[in-house]
Amino acid sequence: MSTTELAWFKSSYSGTQGDDCVEVAVTEQAIHVRDSKDETRPHFIVGREGWAHFVGFAAARD
């Protein structure tokens, strides 16, 4: 699946000033993560289980 075919959305934790913006796209197999300020840079892919662990860790730190 190409980057343009993915349905990207901005993280609710991203800044409203246009800085520190993270976007994610969810597929059946994985979560794709990119910097919305520079969409030409490669994004990275995390497995669903890894993403769940990350979100759980981040929520516990909030």
Protein backbone atom coordinates (compact mmCIF):
# COMPACT_ATOMS: atom_id res chain seq x y z
CA MET A 1 0.00 0.00 0.00
CA SER A 2 1.45 3.38 -0.96
CA THR A 3 1.62 6.40 1.35
CA THR A 4 -0.99 8.24 -0.73
CA GLU A 5 -3.47 5.39 -0.33
CA LEU A 6 -3.34 5.51 3.46
CA ALA A 7 -5.95 7.48 5.46
CA TRP A 8 -3.72 9.67 7.65
CA PHE A 9 -4.98 11.50 10.72
CA LYS A 10 -3.21 13.77 13.18
CA SER A 11 -2.61 12.62 16.73
CA SER A 12 -4.76 14.34 19.33
CA TYR A 13 -1.51 15.03 21.22
CA SER A 14 0.03 16.99 18.34
CA GLY A 15 0.45 20.71 18.86
CA THR A 16 -2.13 23.14 17.48
CA GLN A 17 0.58 25.58 16.35
CA GLY A 18 1.77 23.35 13.49
CA ASP A 19 4.77 22.04 15.41
CA ASP A 20 5.41 18.55 16.74
CA CYS A 21 2.78 17.03 14.45
CA VAL A 22 2.49 13.27 14.23
CA GLU A 23 0.08 11.54 11.88
CA VAL A 24 -0.94 7.89 11.89
CA ALA A 25 -2.68 5.62 9.42
CA VAL A 26 -4.20 2.33 10.54
CA THR A 27 -4.30 -0.79 8.39
CA GLU A 28 -5.28 -4.34 9.24
CA GLN A 29 -1.63 -5.33 9.58
CA ALA A 30 0.04 -2.31 11.18
CA ILE A 31 0.11 1.32 12.24
CA HIS A 32 1.99 3.77 9.99
CA VAL A 33 3.49 6.87 11.65
CA ARG A 34 4.87 10.00 9.97
CA ASP A 35 5.90 13.59 10.63
CA SER A 36 3.16 15.74 9.10
CA LYS A 37 5.53 18.68 8.64
CA ASP A 38 7.60 16.71 6.12
CA GLU A 39 5.50 14.12 4.32
CA THR A 40 8.34 13.41 1.88
CA ARG A 41 10.37 11.71 4.60
CA PRO A 42 9.83 7.99 5.04
CA HIS A 43 7.29 6.93 7.62
CA PHE A 44 7.75 4.00 9.94
CA ILE A 45 5.52 1.03 10.56
CA VAL A 46 4.68 -0.55 13.90
CA GLY A 47 2.82 -3.80 14.45
CA ARG A 48 -0.55 -3.54 16.16
CA GLU A 49 0.71 -5.20 19.35
CA GLY A 50 3.73 -2.89 19.53
CA TRP A 51 1.48 0.14 18.99
CA ALA A 52 -0.86 -1.00 21.77
CA HIS A 53 2.11 -1.28 24.16
CA PHE A 54 3.35 2.18 23.15
CA VAL A 55 -0.08 3.81 23.62
CA GLY A 56 -0.51 2.09 26.99
CA PHE A 57 2.91 3.32 28.11
CA ALA A 58 2.24 6.86 26.88
CA ALA A 59 -1.15 6.96 28.61
CA ALA A 60 0.38 5.85 31.89
CA ARG A 61 2.95 8.67 31.67
CA ASP A 62 0.32 11.36 31.04
